[in-house]
Protein backbone atom coordinates (compact mmCIF):
# COMPACT_ATOMS: atom_id res chain seq x y z
CA UNK A 1 123.66 29.03 89.89
CA UNK A 2 127.45 29.08 89.96
CA UNK A 3 129.38 32.12 91.15
CA UNK A 4 130.71 34.42 88.41
CA UNK A 5 134.34 34.00 87.43
CA UNK A 6 134.94 37.73 87.25
CA UNK A 7 133.19 40.77 88.76
CA UNK A 8 133.32 44.29 87.30
CA UNK A 9 132.31 47.39 89.29
CA UNK A 10 130.77 50.16 87.18
CA UNK A 11 129.56 53.64 88.28
CA UNK A 12 125.88 53.52 89.16
CA UNK A 13 124.82 56.94 87.87
CA UNK A 14 125.66 59.99 85.84
CA UNK A 15 127.90 60.47 82.85
CA UNK A 16 130.40 57.85 83.99
CA UNK A 17 127.68 55.17 83.94
CA UNK A 18 126.58 56.20 80.44
CA UNK A 19 130.14 56.43 79.13
CA UNK A 20 131.07 53.04 80.58
CA UNK A 21 128.06 51.47 78.83
CA UNK A 22 129.05 53.14 75.54
CA UNK A 23 132.61 51.89 75.96
CA UNK A 24 131.52 48.27 76.37
CA UNK A 25 129.04 48.64 73.51
CA UNK A 26 131.81 49.87 71.21
CA UNK A 27 133.92 46.87 72.27
CA UNK A 28 131.11 44.50 71.32
CA UNK A 29 129.71 43.83 74.79
CA UNK A 30 126.25 45.19 75.56
CA UNK A 31 126.01 46.13 79.24
CA UNK A 32 122.58 45.38 80.68
CA UNK A 33 121.01 45.97 84.06
CA UNK A 34 119.53 42.78 85.50
CA UNK A 35 115.98 43.02 86.80
CA UNK A 36 114.67 46.52 87.56
CA UNK A 37 116.17 49.32 85.44
CA UNK A 38 117.42 50.99 88.64
CA UNK A 39 118.93 47.75 89.93
CA UNK A 40 122.51 47.31 91.08
CA UNK A 41 123.39 44.13 89.21
CA UNK A 42 124.21 43.81 85.54
CA UNK A 43 125.69 41.55 82.90
CA UNK A 44 127.68 41.73 79.68
CA UNK A 45 126.01 40.01 76.75
CA UNK A 46 128.22 37.23 75.48
CA UNK A 47 130.09 36.84 78.77
CA UNK A 48 127.74 34.90 81.05
CA UNK A 49 130.38 34.26 83.71
CA UNK A 50 131.06 37.99 84.19
CA UNK A 51 128.98 39.83 86.79
CA UNK A 52 128.55 43.59 86.88
CA UNK A 53 128.00 45.55 90.08
CA UNK A 54 126.72 49.12 89.94
CA UNK A 55 127.98 51.28 92.78
CA UNK A 56 129.26 54.80 93.42
CA UNK A 57 132.49 55.90 91.75
CA UNK A 58 134.06 56.43 95.18
CA UNK A 59 132.97 53.05 96.54
CA UNK A 60 134.52 51.30 93.53
CA UNK A 61 137.94 52.32 94.85
CA UNK A 62 137.30 50.57 98.17
CA UNK A 63 135.88 47.48 96.46
CA UNK A 64 139.03 47.22 94.37
CA UNK A 65 141.32 47.82 97.33
CA UNK A 66 139.67 45.01 99.29
CA UNK A 67 139.71 42.64 96.32
CA UNK A 68 135.93 42.22 96.37
CA UNK A 69 135.75 42.91 92.63
CA UNK A 70 138.26 42.06 89.92
CA UNK A 71 137.89 45.08 87.64
CA UNK A 72 136.49 48.56 88.07
CA UNK A 73 135.92 51.79 86.19
CA UNK A 74 136.43 55.03 88.11
CA UNK A 75 138.44 58.24 88.10
CA UNK A 76 142.14 58.33 88.88
CA UNK A 77 141.55 61.31 91.19
CA UNK A 78 139.38 59.18 93.48
CA UNK A 79 141.98 56.39 93.52
CA UNK A 80 144.90 58.69 94.32
CA UNK A 81 142.92 60.55 96.97
CA UNK A 82 141.56 57.47 98.73
CA UNK A 83 144.57 55.14 98.77
CA UNK A 84 148.08 55.65 100.11
CA UNK A 85 149.09 52.15 99.00
CA UNK A 86 147.84 52.36 95.42
CA UNK A 87 150.65 50.41 93.78
CA UNK A 88 150.30 47.41 96.07
CA UNK A 89 146.52 47.21 95.67
CA UNK A 90 145.50 48.38 92.21
CA UNK A 91 146.80 48.03 88.66
CA UNK A 92 145.99 50.76 86.15
CA UNK A 93 145.12 48.78 83.02
CA UNK A 94 143.99 51.46 80.57
CA UNK A 95 142.93 55.11 80.45
CA UNK A 96 139.47 55.26 78.93
CA UNK A 97 139.31 58.71 77.35
CA UNK A 98 136.39 60.08 79.37
CA UNK A 99 135.77 61.50 82.82
CA UNK A 100 138.53 64.09 82.35
CA UNK A 101 139.13 66.38 85.32
CA UNK A 102 142.22 68.27 86.46
CA UNK A 103 142.88 68.58 90.20
CA UNK A 104 144.27 72.10 90.60
CA UNK A 105 145.29 74.75 93.10
CA UNK A 106 143.38 77.98 92.47
CA UNK A 107 143.63 81.38 94.17
CA UNK A 108 141.67 84.65 93.81
CA UNK A 109 142.41 86.55 90.60
CA UNK A 110 143.08 89.66 92.69
CA UNK A 111 146.23 88.01 94.12
CA UNK A 112 148.29 89.63 91.39
CA UNK A 113 151.67 88.75 92.91
CA UNK A 114 150.79 85.09 93.38
CA UNK A 115 151.38 82.96 90.31
CA UNK A 116 153.26 79.88 91.59
CA UNK A 117 153.16 77.52 94.56
CA UNK A 118 156.36 79.08 95.96
CA UNK A 119 154.51 82.38 96.30
CA UNK A 120 151.99 80.80 98.67
CA UNK A 121 154.55 80.40 101.45
CA UNK A 122 155.33 84.14 101.33
CA UNK A 123 151.63 84.96 101.35
CA UNK A 124 151.10 82.57 104.26
CA UNK A 125 153.78 84.30 106.34
CA UNK A 126 152.26 87.73 105.67
CA UNK A 127 148.78 86.38 106.35
CA UNK A 128 149.85 84.85 109.66
CA UNK A 129 151.36 88.15 110.80
CA UNK A 130 148.17 90.03 109.91
CA UNK A 131 145.55 87.50 111.00
CA UNK A 132 147.29 85.21 113.45
CA UNK A 133 146.53 82.06 111.47
CA UNK A 134 147.48 80.19 108.33
CA UNK A 135 145.81 80.25 104.95
CA UNK A 136 142.67 78.15 104.67
CA UNK A 137 142.50 75.75 101.72
CA UNK A 138 139.02 74.45 100.92
CA UNK A 139 138.98 71.04 99.26
CA UNK A 140 137.47 67.59 99.02
CA UNK A 141 140.94 66.27 98.12
CA UNK A 142 142.65 66.44 101.48
CA UNK A 143 145.28 63.76 100.89
CA UNK A 144 146.25 64.97 97.42
CA UNK A 145 146.47 68.50 98.80
CA UNK A 146 148.72 67.56 101.71
CA UNK A 147 151.06 65.55 99.53
CA UNK A 148 151.34 68.22 96.85
CA UNK A 149 151.79 71.12 99.26
CA UNK A 150 154.52 69.17 101.08
CA UNK A 151 156.21 68.43 97.76
CA UNK A 152 156.20 72.16 96.97
CA UNK A 153 157.38 73.18 100.44
CA UNK A 154 154.20 75.03 101.41
CA UNK A 155 153.47 74.75 105.12
CA UNK A 156 151.55 77.84 106.27
CA UNK A 157 148.04 76.54 105.67
CA UNK A 158 145.26 74.43 107.09
CA UNK A 159 142.65 72.44 105.23
CA UNK A 160 138.96 73.26 105.40
CA UNK A 161 136.97 70.27 104.23
CA UNK A 162 134.51 71.29 101.55
CA UNK A 163 131.08 69.69 101.47
CA UNK A 164 129.47 71.93 98.88
CA UNK A 165 130.60 74.19 96.05
CA UNK A 166 134.32 74.46 96.75
CA UNK A 167 134.90 77.20 94.19
CA UNK A 168 132.54 79.53 96.09
CA UNK A 169 134.35 79.36 99.43
CA UNK A 170 136.84 82.21 98.91
CA UNK A 171 133.98 84.58 98.01
CA UNK A 172 131.98 83.53 101.07
CA UNK A 173 134.98 84.03 103.35
CA UNK A 174 135.35 80.42 104.45
CA UNK A 175 138.71 79.91 102.68
CA UNK A 176 141.48 81.89 101.03
CA UNK A 177 142.19 79.41 98.21
CA UNK A 178 140.99 76.04 96.96
CA UNK A 179 142.05 72.69 95.56
CA UNK A 180 139.33 71.35 93.28
CA UNK A 181 138.67 69.61 89.98
CA UNK A 182 138.07 71.47 86.75
CA UNK A 183 137.52 70.39 83.17
CA UNK A 184 137.09 73.69 81.33
CA UNK A 185 138.00 76.32 83.92
CA UNK A 186 134.69 78.10 83.33
CA UNK A 187 133.43 77.71 86.90
CA UNK A 188 136.72 78.92 88.33
CA UNK A 189 136.62 82.03 86.15
CA UNK A 190 133.01 82.67 87.10
CA UNK A 191 134.14 82.72 90.73
CA UNK A 192 137.13 84.99 89.96
CA UNK A 193 139.74 82.30 90.61
CA UNK A 194 142.91 81.45 88.69
CA UNK A 195 144.96 78.26 88.57
CA UNK A 196 148.58 78.67 89.65
CA UNK A 197 151.16 78.14 86.90
CA UNK A 198 152.45 75.02 88.66
CA UNK A 199 149.16 74.30 90.40
CA UNK A 200 148.21 71.19 88.41
CA UNK A 201 148.19 68.36 90.94
CA UNK A 202 146.77 65.62 88.72
CA UNK A 203 145.36 65.23 85.21
CA UNK A 204 142.67 62.68 85.90
CA UNK A 205 140.40 60.59 83.73
CA UNK A 206 138.46 57.35 84.08
CA UNK A 207 140.57 54.19 84.04
CA UNK A 208 139.97 50.47 83.78
CA UNK A 209 141.50 49.16 87.00
CA UNK A 210 142.32 45.71 88.33
CA UNK A 211 142.40 44.61 91.96
CA UNK A 212 145.71 42.93 92.71
CA UNK A 213 144.24 41.19 95.77
CA UNK A 214 141.20 39.71 94.07
CA UNK A 215 141.08 35.96 93.47
CA UNK A 216 142.58 35.72 89.98
CA UNK A 217 142.06 32.15 88.86
CA UNK A 218 142.72 31.05 85.30
CA UNK A 219 139.26 31.87 84.02
CA UNK A 220 139.27 35.34 85.60
CA UNK A 221 142.60 36.08 83.93
CA UNK A 222 141.24 34.93 80.57
CA UNK A 223 138.20 37.17 80.92
CA UNK A 224 140.34 40.13 81.95
CA UNK A 225 142.52 39.67 78.86
CA UNK A 226 139.47 39.38 76.60
CA UNK A 227 137.84 42.52 78.02
CA UNK A 228 141.06 44.54 78.00
CA UNK A 229 141.80 43.46 74.45
CA UNK A 230 138.33 44.44 73.26
CA UNK A 231 138.40 47.81 75.02
CA UNK A 232 141.90 48.59 73.76
CA UNK A 233 141.04 47.61 70.23
């Protein structure tokens, strides 16, 4: 059997997997899992020389970066967090209208005098005098956090890598503030947190992405154009 001309990486579970399947269905391409229903290979009906690989949303970023797949569907937040050389590796072809999540800076509601990023530096100085250390920022988005805090001139902090429920860390005493994703703000409010007025780091959603370093022969380019045209239409 000949190798596929084009390979698409699709999230392997959750809402992103379901929404990606619905997207292709609406574009006229039924996305099917090959073999066992929990398998990691798939196909698009009507495009026999396109292969589908199911993998984690985070791993899709690395597959695209390395050029091991041609196209991928994943969140912009994962791309921006994982890659420092985004523009040289990945092309953003189209936002897909699902997987919305804002990456935000949130602080305790009881910090009444803190409403903007500039206020954090003043708080950090006071905190250092009182506690002998900087503010702790709990997050899974370490690179986005560092870049944004540097852009805003905030230096008096250190990152605490979050492996669980980030929004709960201020209440448990393991951080003073957080950088996390939110779609409705409900979870933040439930944990008595507020988003800073200029604390929006990134408005993320799922994108159709292309690997610039994949092997783009003529047939792969034709298939990319056909898929992009169908999804955009």
